[in-house]
Protein backbone atom coordinates (compact mmCIF):
# COMPACT_ATOMS: atom_id res chain seq x y z
CA MET A 1 130.62 85.14 165.00
CA LYS A 2 130.64 88.86 165.85
CA LYS A 3 134.23 89.17 164.60
CA LEU A 4 133.22 87.56 161.32
CA ALA A 5 130.34 90.02 160.91
CA VAL A 6 132.54 93.02 161.66
CA THR A 7 135.12 91.80 159.16
CA ALA A 8 132.46 91.42 156.47
CA VAL A 9 131.22 94.96 157.08
CA ILE A 10 134.74 96.36 156.80
CA ILE A 11 135.41 94.53 153.54
CA ALA A 12 132.06 95.64 152.11
CA GLY A 13 132.80 99.24 153.08
CA ALA A 14 136.22 99.09 151.45
CA LEU A 15 134.73 97.70 148.24
CA LEU A 16 132.02 100.35 148.16
CA SER A 17 134.56 103.12 148.74
CA ASN A 18 136.70 101.73 145.94
CA VAL A 19 133.68 101.67 143.63
CA ASP A 20 132.83 105.26 144.60
CA ALA A 21 136.42 106.32 143.99
CA ASN A 22 136.43 104.71 140.54
CA ALA A 23 133.10 106.32 139.74
CA GLN A 24 134.43 109.68 140.87
CA TYR A 25 137.54 109.16 138.75
CA ARG A 26 135.44 108.41 135.69
CA THR A 27 133.27 111.44 136.36
CA ASP A 28 136.19 113.78 136.76
CA ALA A 29 137.92 112.50 133.62
CA PRO A 30 137.79 115.07 130.78
CA GLN A 31 135.03 114.34 128.31
CA LYS A 32 135.92 114.47 124.63
CA SER A 33 133.86 116.66 122.36
CA GLU A 34 131.76 115.26 119.55
CA ALA A 35 134.15 116.75 117.01
CA GLN A 36 137.12 114.94 118.57
CA LEU A 37 135.22 111.63 118.65
CA ILE A 38 134.31 112.00 114.97
CA MET A 39 137.90 112.77 114.00
CA GLU A 40 139.26 109.80 115.96
CA SER A 41 136.73 107.44 114.41
CA ALA A 42 137.48 108.81 110.93
CA GLU A 43 141.20 108.22 111.40
CA ALA A 44 140.71 104.64 112.61
CA SER A 45 137.88 103.60 110.27
CA GLU A 46 138.38 102.09 106.83
CA THR A 47 134.90 103.09 105.72
CA PRO A 48 133.98 106.78 105.37
CA VAL A 49 132.53 108.42 108.46
CA ILE A 50 129.36 110.27 107.46
CA ILE A 51 129.06 113.76 108.97
CA THR A 52 126.19 116.22 108.92
CA LEU A 53 126.52 119.95 108.33
CA GLU A 54 126.19 120.67 112.06
CA GLN A 55 128.98 118.20 112.84
CA ALA A 56 131.15 119.75 110.13
CA LEU A 57 130.65 123.16 111.69
CA GLU A 58 131.52 121.83 115.14
CA ILE A 59 134.75 120.35 113.80
CA ALA A 60 135.65 123.59 112.02
CA LEU A 61 135.01 125.69 115.12
CA SER A 62 137.58 123.63 117.02
CA GLU A 63 140.10 122.84 114.27
CA ASN A 64 139.99 125.66 111.72
CA VAL A 65 143.28 127.56 111.58
CA SER A 66 141.74 131.01 111.04
CA VAL A 67 139.57 130.55 114.13
CA LYS A 68 142.58 129.56 116.23
CA VAL A 69 144.55 132.56 114.96
CA ALA A 70 141.63 134.87 115.77
CA ASP A 71 141.45 133.49 119.32
CA MET A 72 145.19 134.03 119.72
CA GLU A 73 144.76 137.61 118.51
CA ILE A 74 142.23 138.19 121.31
CA LYS A 75 144.78 136.99 123.85
CA ARG A 76 147.44 139.24 122.30
CA ALA A 77 145.14 142.25 122.62
CA GLU A 78 144.41 141.33 126.24
CA TYR A 79 148.13 141.11 126.98
CA ALA A 80 148.64 144.52 125.38
CA LYS A 81 145.82 145.96 127.47
CA LYS A 82 147.33 144.64 130.70
CA GLY A 83 150.71 145.97 129.61
CA SER A 84 149.26 149.45 129.04
CA TYR A 85 147.87 149.54 132.58
CA ALA A 86 151.41 149.02 133.86
CA SER A 87 152.04 152.69 133.05
CA LEU A 88 149.96 153.64 136.11
CA PHE A 89 152.27 151.80 138.49
CA PRO A 90 155.75 152.88 139.62
CA GLN A 91 158.53 152.00 137.25
CA ILE A 92 161.45 150.76 139.35
CA ASP A 93 164.91 150.19 137.89
CA ALA A 94 168.26 149.25 139.35
CA SER A 95 171.55 150.30 137.77
CA GLY A 96 175.24 149.72 138.25
CA ALA A 97 178.31 151.08 136.48
CA TYR A 98 182.08 150.89 136.54
CA GLN A 99 184.32 153.52 134.94
CA ARG A 100 188.08 153.28 134.38
CA THR A 101 189.81 156.58 133.78
CA ILE A 102 192.35 156.51 130.95
CA LYS A 103 193.48 160.16 131.18
CA LYS A 104 192.51 162.33 134.12
CA GLN A 105 191.19 165.84 133.76
CA VAL A 106 193.58 168.70 134.57
CA MET A 107 192.60 171.85 136.45
CA TYR A 108 194.68 175.05 136.37
CA MET A 109 194.96 177.71 139.08
CA ASP A 110 196.15 181.32 138.80
CA PHE A 111 199.10 180.89 141.22
CA ASP A 112 202.34 178.92 141.38
CA MET A 113 201.36 175.39 142.37
CA SER A 114 204.95 174.15 142.31
CA SER A 115 205.93 176.54 145.08
CA LEU A 116 203.00 175.31 147.17
CA MET A 117 203.50 171.61 146.53
CA GLY A 118 207.33 171.57 146.51
CA GLY A 119 207.86 173.85 149.54
CA GLY A 120 210.42 175.99 147.67
CA ALA A 121 211.64 179.47 148.50
CA GLY A 122 208.92 181.97 149.12
CA THR A 123 206.50 179.38 150.38
CA GLU A 124 206.16 180.93 153.77
CA GLY A 125 204.97 184.21 152.38
CA THR A 126 202.63 182.75 149.76
CA GLU A 127 198.94 183.06 150.49
CA ILE A 128 196.99 179.83 149.92
CA PRO A 129 193.61 180.34 148.27
CA ASP A 130 190.49 179.14 150.01
CA GLY A 131 189.50 175.58 149.15
CA VAL A 132 193.00 174.44 148.19
CA GLU A 133 194.62 171.88 150.44
CA ILE A 134 198.27 170.89 150.36
CA PRO A 135 198.71 167.13 150.88
CA GLU A 136 201.03 166.10 153.66
CA THR A 137 202.56 163.20 151.71
CA GLY A 138 203.38 162.70 148.10
CA ALA A 139 204.23 166.35 147.65
CA THR A 140 207.07 165.49 145.34
CA ASP A 141 204.86 163.30 143.13
CA SER A 142 202.20 165.96 143.04
CA ALA A 143 204.74 168.57 142.16
CA GLU A 144 206.10 166.38 139.39
CA SER A 145 202.57 165.77 138.15
CA SER A 146 201.92 169.48 138.26
CA THR A 147 205.09 170.09 136.35
CA ASP A 148 204.25 167.42 133.76
CA ASN A 149 200.85 168.98 133.18
CA GLY A 150 202.17 172.45 132.70
CA GLY A 151 201.33 173.59 136.22
CA GLY A 152 197.82 171.99 136.38
CA ILE A 153 196.30 169.56 138.90
CA GLU A 154 194.90 166.16 137.83
CA MET A 155 191.36 165.59 139.06
CA GLY A 156 189.62 162.35 140.05
CA ARG A 157 190.77 158.77 140.58
CA TRP A 158 191.39 155.86 138.30
CA ASN A 159 188.35 153.70 139.30
CA THR A 160 184.78 154.92 139.70
CA TRP A 161 182.04 152.62 141.00
CA SER A 162 178.33 153.46 141.19
CA ALA A 163 175.09 151.60 142.00
CA GLY A 164 171.59 153.00 142.26
CA LEU A 165 167.87 152.48 142.47
CA SER A 166 165.34 154.74 140.72
CA ALA A 167 161.55 154.87 140.70
CA ALA A 168 159.04 157.04 138.84
CA MET A 169 155.28 157.11 138.39
CA PRO A 170 152.75 159.52 136.90
CA LEU A 171 150.45 161.35 139.30
CA VAL A 172 148.42 163.46 136.89
CA ASN A 173 148.52 162.53 133.19
CA ALA A 174 145.25 162.96 131.29
CA GLN A 175 146.77 161.80 128.01
CA LEU A 176 147.83 158.50 129.58
CA TRP A 177 144.42 157.91 131.11
CA ALA A 178 142.70 158.49 127.79
CA SER A 179 145.05 156.13 125.96
CA LEU A 180 144.17 153.32 128.36
CA LYS A 181 140.60 153.38 127.08
CA ILE A 182 141.91 152.77 123.56
CA SER A 183 143.63 149.60 124.78
CA GLY A 184 140.31 148.32 126.08
CA MET A 185 138.64 149.07 122.74
CA ASP A 186 141.45 147.23 120.99
CA VAL A 187 140.45 144.06 122.85
CA GLU A 188 136.82 144.62 121.87
CA LEU A 189 137.88 145.03 118.24
CA ALA A 190 139.89 141.79 118.38
CA VAL A 191 136.85 139.95 119.75
CA GLU A 192 134.68 141.27 116.94
CA LYS A 193 137.31 140.30 114.35
CA ALA A 194 137.34 136.79 115.81
CA ARG A 195 133.55 136.69 115.45
CA ALA A 196 133.90 137.83 111.83
CA SER A 197 136.41 135.05 111.26
CA ARG A 198 133.94 132.52 112.64
CA LEU A 199 131.12 133.86 110.48
CA ASP A 200 133.32 133.66 107.40
CA MET A 201 134.43 130.16 108.36
CA VAL A 202 130.81 129.02 108.77
CA THR A 203 129.99 130.35 105.29
CA GLN A 204 133.02 128.58 103.81
CA VAL A 205 132.08 125.29 105.48
CA LYS A 206 128.50 125.53 104.23
CA ASN A 207 129.62 126.29 100.68
CA ALA A 208 132.17 123.45 100.74
CA TYR A 209 129.58 121.07 102.17
CA PHE A 210 126.96 121.99 99.57
CA SER A 211 129.59 121.86 96.80
CA THR A 212 130.34 118.29 97.82
CA LEU A 213 126.64 117.42 97.68
CA LEU A 214 126.39 119.06 94.23
CA ALA A 215 129.41 117.11 92.98
CA LYS A 216 127.89 113.86 94.26
CA GLU A 217 124.58 114.70 92.57
CA ALA A 218 126.39 115.34 89.27
CA PHE A 219 128.30 112.08 89.66
CA GLU A 220 125.07 110.16 90.17
CA VAL A 221 123.50 111.81 87.13
CA TYR A 222 126.43 111.03 84.83
CA LYS A 223 126.65 107.53 86.26
CA GLN A 224 122.99 107.01 85.41
CA VAL A 225 123.63 108.36 81.91
CA TYR A 226 126.45 105.86 81.50
CA GLU A 227 124.32 102.96 82.73
CA ASN A 228 121.52 103.91 80.37
CA ALA A 229 124.00 104.13 77.51
CA VAL A 230 125.35 100.66 78.33
CA GLN A 231 121.83 99.29 78.49
CA ASN A 232 120.96 100.85 75.13
CA LEU A 233 124.18 99.45 73.65
CA ALA A 234 123.22 95.98 74.79
CA GLU A 235 119.75 96.41 73.28
CA THR A 236 121.24 97.72 70.05
CA GLN A 237 123.69 94.82 69.90
CA LYS A 238 120.82 92.33 70.12
CA LYS A 239 118.98 94.08 67.31
CA TYR A 240 122.12 94.21 65.22
CA ASP A 241 122.70 90.49 65.73
CA VAL A 242 119.26 89.78 64.25
CA GLN A 243 119.78 92.42 61.58
CA LYS A 244 117.03 94.77 62.83
CA VAL A 245 119.32 97.82 62.98
CA SER A 246 122.20 98.96 60.84
CA GLU A 247 125.85 98.97 61.77
CA MET A 248 125.67 102.75 61.90
CA GLU A 249 123.13 102.47 64.74
CA LEU A 250 125.48 100.11 66.60
CA LEU A 251 128.42 102.47 66.17
CA ARG A 252 126.28 105.36 67.42
CA ALA A 253 125.42 103.37 70.56
CA LYS A 254 129.09 102.55 71.16
CA THR A 255 130.00 106.21 70.68
CA THR A 256 127.39 107.25 73.25
CA VAL A 257 128.92 104.87 75.81
CA ALA A 258 132.42 106.09 75.05
CA ASN A 259 131.33 109.73 75.43
CA ALA A 260 129.67 108.98 78.79
CA ILE A 261 132.80 107.46 80.36
CA PRO A 262 134.90 110.71 80.63
CA ASN A 263 131.95 112.51 82.21
CA VAL A 264 131.77 109.84 84.92
CA TYR A 265 135.50 110.11 85.63
CA ASN A 266 135.37 113.92 85.72
CA ALA A 267 132.39 113.86 88.06
CA GLU A 268 134.14 111.39 90.33
CA GLY A 269 137.23 113.57 90.41
CA SER A 270 135.05 116.57 91.27
CA VAL A 271 133.68 114.68 94.27
CA ILE A 272 137.18 113.89 95.53
CA LEU A 273 138.30 117.50 95.01
CA ALA A 274 135.21 118.84 96.80
CA LEU A 275 135.90 116.55 99.77
CA TRP A 276 139.51 117.78 99.90
CA GLN A 277 138.27 121.35 99.89
CA LEU A 278 135.86 120.56 102.72
CA LYS A 279 138.63 118.93 104.78
CA ALA A 280 140.90 121.92 104.19
CA VAL A 281 138.19 124.30 105.44
CA LEU A 282 137.53 122.07 108.45
CA GLY A 283 141.23 122.11 109.29
CA VAL A 284 141.65 118.33 109.36
CA ASP A 285 144.03 115.95 107.60
CA LEU A 286 143.29 115.60 103.88
CA ASP A 287 143.64 111.82 104.20
CA MET A 288 140.90 111.62 106.85
CA ASN A 289 138.15 109.27 105.69
CA ILE A 290 134.95 111.33 105.92
CA ASP A 291 131.92 111.88 103.72
CA VAL A 292 128.89 114.18 103.80
CA ALA A 293 125.39 113.07 104.68
CA GLY A 294 122.22 113.54 102.69
CA LYS A 295 121.45 114.90 99.26
CA LEU A 296 120.75 118.33 97.87
CA GLU A 297 117.13 117.27 97.48
CA ASP A 298 116.92 117.00 101.27
CA TRP A 299 117.71 120.72 101.50
CA SER A 300 115.02 121.73 99.02
CA GLN A 301 112.59 122.19 101.91
CA HIS A 302 114.63 125.27 102.90
CA MET A 303 113.50 126.86 99.68
CA LEU A 304 110.07 127.45 101.22
CA TYR A 305 111.49 130.73 102.43
CA ASP A 306 109.71 133.95 103.28
CA LEU A 307 111.83 136.56 101.58
CA HIS A 308 109.73 139.41 102.93
CA GLN A 309 110.99 138.81 106.46
CA HIS A 310 114.15 140.65 105.44
CA ASP A 311 112.37 143.81 104.29
CA GLY A 312 114.20 146.63 106.01
CA ALA A 313 116.79 144.19 107.39
CA SER A 314 118.97 145.61 110.13
CA LEU A 315 122.76 145.58 109.99
CA ASP A 316 123.19 145.87 113.75
CA MET A 317 124.75 142.40 113.95
CA ASN A 318 126.89 142.76 110.84
CA SER A 319 130.50 142.26 111.87
CA THR A 320 131.93 144.79 109.41
CA MET A 321 129.61 147.53 110.68
CA LYS A 322 130.41 146.70 114.29
CA GLN A 323 134.15 146.84 113.57
CA LEU A 324 133.76 150.23 111.90
CA ALA A 325 131.77 151.46 114.91
CA ILE A 326 134.54 150.34 117.27
CA GLN A 327 137.20 151.94 115.06
CA ALA A 328 135.23 155.20 114.99
CA GLU A 329 135.01 155.15 118.78
CA MET A 330 138.74 154.49 119.03
CA LEU A 331 139.51 157.40 116.71
CA ALA A 332 137.20 159.68 118.70
CA GLN A 333 139.19 158.70 121.79
CA THR A 334 142.41 159.32 119.86
CA VAL A 335 141.26 162.89 119.23
CA LYS A 336 140.89 163.32 122.99
CA VAL A 337 144.34 161.85 123.55
CA GLN A 338 145.87 164.41 121.19
CA GLN A 339 143.90 167.22 122.83
CA TYR A 340 145.00 166.13 126.30
CA ALA A 341 148.61 166.56 125.17
CA ASN A 342 148.11 170.28 125.89
CA ILE A 343 147.25 169.61 129.55
CA PRO A 344 150.04 169.81 132.17
CA SER A 345 151.21 166.54 133.71
CA LEU A 346 152.67 165.79 137.12
CA ALA A 347 155.07 162.95 137.94
CA LEU A 348 156.85 161.66 141.03
CA ALA A 349 160.45 160.45 140.95
CA PHE A 350 162.85 158.90 143.48
CA ASN A 351 166.53 158.07 143.19
CA PHE A 352 169.08 156.51 145.49
CA SER A 353 172.71 155.88 144.51
CA LEU A 354 176.07 154.87 146.02
CA ASN A 355 179.38 156.05 144.59
CA ALA A 356 182.99 155.17 145.27
CA MET A 357 186.21 156.49 143.67
CA THR A 358 189.48 154.61 144.21
CA ASN A 359 192.84 153.93 142.67
CA ASP A 360 192.95 150.24 143.62
CA PHE A 361 190.68 147.20 143.87
CA LYS A 362 190.56 146.75 147.64
CA PHE A 363 186.77 146.55 147.90
CA SER A 364 186.74 146.15 151.68
CA GLU A 365 188.40 149.54 152.13
CA TYR A 366 186.11 151.45 149.75
CA ARG A 367 184.23 154.47 151.06
CA TRP A 368 180.75 154.48 149.53
CA THR A 369 179.06 157.85 149.33
CA PRO A 370 175.23 157.75 149.30
CA TYR A 371 173.12 160.16 147.29
CA SER A 372 169.30 160.24 147.12
CA TYR A 373 166.42 162.54 146.27
CA VAL A 374 162.65 162.69 145.83
CA ALA A 375 161.27 164.96 143.14
CA LEU A 376 157.98 166.21 141.74
CA SER A 377 158.15 167.19 138.11
CA LEU A 378 155.52 169.38 136.49
CA ASN A 379 155.46 169.47 132.71
CA ILE A 380 153.52 172.37 131.17
CA PRO A 381 153.27 172.24 127.36
CA ILE A 382 153.66 175.73 125.91
CA PHE A 383 154.85 175.64 122.31
CA ALA A 384 155.88 172.80 119.99
CA GLY A 385 155.84 174.52 116.62
CA GLY A 386 152.19 173.55 115.98
CA LYS A 387 152.95 169.83 116.20
CA ARG A 388 150.21 169.03 118.70
CA TYR A 389 147.65 171.07 116.76
CA GLN A 390 148.44 169.21 113.54
CA GLN A 391 148.19 165.85 115.34
CA ILE A 392 144.69 166.79 116.51
CA ARG A 393 143.69 167.71 112.97
CA GLN A 394 145.14 164.43 111.70
CA ALA A 395 143.14 162.41 114.25
CA LYS A 396 139.94 164.27 113.33
CA ASN A 397 140.62 163.61 109.64
CA GLN A 398 140.94 159.87 110.29
CA TYR A 399 137.71 159.93 112.27
CA GLU A 400 135.87 161.60 109.39
CA GLN A 401 137.30 159.01 106.97
CA VAL A 402 135.85 156.16 109.06
CA GLN A 403 132.49 157.94 109.13
CA LEU A 404 132.47 158.11 105.33
CA GLN A 405 133.58 154.47 105.07
CA THR A 406 130.74 153.47 107.39
CA VAL A 407 128.14 155.16 105.18
CA ASN A 408 129.57 153.59 102.02
CA THR A 409 129.91 150.14 103.63
CA GLU A 410 126.32 150.24 104.83
CA ARG A 411 125.18 151.08 101.30
CA GLN A 412 127.21 148.22 99.81
CA LEU A 413 125.92 145.75 102.40
CA LYS A 414 122.32 146.68 101.65
CA ILE A 415 123.02 146.05 97.97
CA ALA A 416 124.54 142.67 98.90
CA ILE A 417 121.43 141.77 100.90
CA ARG A 418 119.16 142.63 97.99
CA GLN A 419 121.38 140.66 95.63
CA CYS A 420 121.22 137.59 97.89
CA LEU A 421 117.45 137.87 98.17
CA ASN A 422 117.12 138.26 94.40
CA THR A 423 119.35 135.21 93.82
CA MET A 424 117.33 133.18 96.31
CA GLU A 425 114.04 134.16 94.68
CA THR A 426 115.35 133.41 91.18
CA ASN A 427 116.61 129.97 92.17
CA MET A 428 113.39 129.16 94.03
CA LYS A 429 111.50 129.73 90.78
CA SER A 430 114.17 127.90 88.78
CA TYR A 431 114.01 124.91 91.11
CA TYR A 432 110.27 124.41 90.80
CA ALA A 433 110.48 124.85 87.05
CA ALA A 434 113.37 122.37 86.92
CA LYS A 435 111.44 119.83 89.00
CA GLU A 436 108.59 119.96 86.49
CA ALA A 437 111.13 119.62 83.69
CA VAL A 438 112.70 116.59 85.40
CA ALA A 439 109.33 114.87 85.74
CA ALA A 440 108.47 115.57 82.10
CA ALA A 441 111.94 114.56 80.85
CA GLN A 442 111.89 111.34 82.87
CA LYS A 443 108.50 110.42 81.50
CA GLY A 444 109.63 111.28 77.96
CA TYR A 445 112.80 109.20 78.33
CA ASP A 446 110.87 106.20 79.61
CA ILE A 447 108.49 106.42 76.66
CA VAL A 448 111.27 106.79 74.09
CA GLU A 449 113.28 103.95 75.65
CA LYS A 450 110.37 101.53 75.51
CA SER A 451 109.60 102.68 71.99
CA TYR A 452 113.19 101.99 71.04
CA GLN A 453 112.97 98.52 72.46
CA VAL A 454 110.03 97.74 70.21
CA GLY A 455 111.60 99.48 67.25
CA ARG A 456 109.39 102.55 67.04
CA SER A 457 112.10 105.07 67.99
CA THR A 458 115.65 105.64 66.95
CA LEU A 459 118.76 105.86 69.10
CA ILE A 460 119.02 109.55 68.26
CA GLU A 461 115.65 110.15 69.91
CA VAL A 462 116.80 108.17 72.94
CA ASN A 463 119.97 110.25 73.22
CA ASP A 464 117.97 113.47 72.88
CA ALA A 465 115.64 112.36 75.65
CA GLN A 466 118.59 111.40 77.81
CA LEU A 467 120.24 114.77 77.25
CA ALA A 468 117.05 116.60 78.21
CA LEU A 469 116.73 114.51 81.38
CA THR A 470 120.37 115.10 82.32
CA GLN A 471 120.13 118.85 81.83
CA SER A 472 116.93 119.12 83.87
CA GLN A 473 118.39 117.04 86.73
CA LEU A 474 121.57 119.13 86.85
CA ALA A 475 119.54 122.34 86.65
CA ALA A 476 117.44 121.31 89.66
CA SER A 477 120.55 120.46 91.70
CA GLN A 478 122.26 123.68 90.64
CA ALA A 479 119.21 125.73 91.66
CA VAL A 480 119.23 124.20 95.15
CA TYR A 481 122.97 124.83 95.49
CA ASN A 482 122.69 128.45 94.33
CA PHE A 483 119.83 129.06 96.76
CA LEU A 484 121.74 127.58 99.72
CA SER A 485 124.91 129.46 98.80
CA ALA A 486 123.04 132.78 98.61
CA LYS A 487 121.25 132.01 101.88
CA SER A 488 124.60 131.34 103.59
CA GLN A 489 125.98 134.63 102.30
CA LEU A 490 122.85 136.42 103.50
CA GLU A 491 123.22 134.94 106.99
CA GLN A 492 126.85 136.05 107.12
CA THR A 493 125.91 139.57 106.00
CA LEU A 494 123.20 139.80 108.65
CA GLY A 495 125.64 138.47 111.26
CA GLN A 496 123.58 135.41 112.19
CA ASP A 497 125.98 133.38 114.32
CA PHE A 498 125.97 129.59 114.09
CA ILE A 499 126.32 129.29 117.87
CA GLN A 500 123.27 131.47 118.40
């Protein structure tokens, strides 16, 4: 009985551990982002997957090509920064060389070498200069060589082998130290450019999203116009059958229907094109089955906007201004780099080499001669024809240019802010006026349509009422779109990040 109980406990423990392991495995598995889940569902679904503006922005932040390129540019700048710091470390190189002599050099002496090398008459009384040795063997060959060369001696051997190791590093170099700071600023500039790319991408996504909503609104309006025209045609046909209207009235009704059909097709094509544009901005496949959520009317609540909150708006978060500030700082550092070129620099060097000179290829019998040294080199700039002075002036000129560009850019951005605020205010007023016009036009159309049904109005009056209703509906939608587009541009100018 005890054995059975122990066995049951062991099995239960094994099952629990297996369950814990599976749970741990599921926990550790990488979780897919919402953007990835939406894209996968859109690829597999036959019906359009409805996405909100926030979801569209999430997809664009992970899939947009310009954002990916900007992130890669940050990594490139970081690699360059790390590479610039390598200048502070010793630079070690190994080298090897082989040289085959084709024609040896010849050296001439001011005495008779043939008498020394050949042992001819008068040798015993000839004084041998210091540093000249007479070989014990091969005297005849040497003498012949001397004779062939007009009394000179051939120098060197046919094969020369060398191998070495060298190292060098700067000890004192103010110009190098100053340039390293520029590399760090380059990374900061790349980060800010990536942020600017994201801000621009967010604005593009918003405009594409709102353009799609506007195209859908226009499609619904023209579709309603077509349906009303078909309904009026049916009513006119009934009246014509009982001879209450003329054939001219029937032809006018048919013409109205025929004129409404191209507008419906054009509006439908505009919706498809707007969706393609949105997909292109998002960075997804153009065949992906997605659609936008909501209507422009849902965004009209954003038009209750306090425009005075931007009085004296600050450009501290504007990406263009921040980039110019970083560039100005980099150029100020560049001026220091050029000035530091006049400061002496100190470097340490080491070299070790092995050399061998032979006439054969018997490597085991080679005699390798070592040679090594350690050196300190001091470089004191004295005169370069005014080159360094002109480089300093050039750097200062570039710095002053950026300062002027900053002032002009700030002025232009403030104009852009005022223009956005003016556009927003104008479209807020236009929207409320258009909403009143839509209500009045809808009421007028309903009255004229019922009057036409009882024979108190003509089809021309119905068409006029329909035209007024269509124009007021499109004007209201256009006002909302213009307001949202200007608001998106304002947010980009002020540097309001979507992530924040």
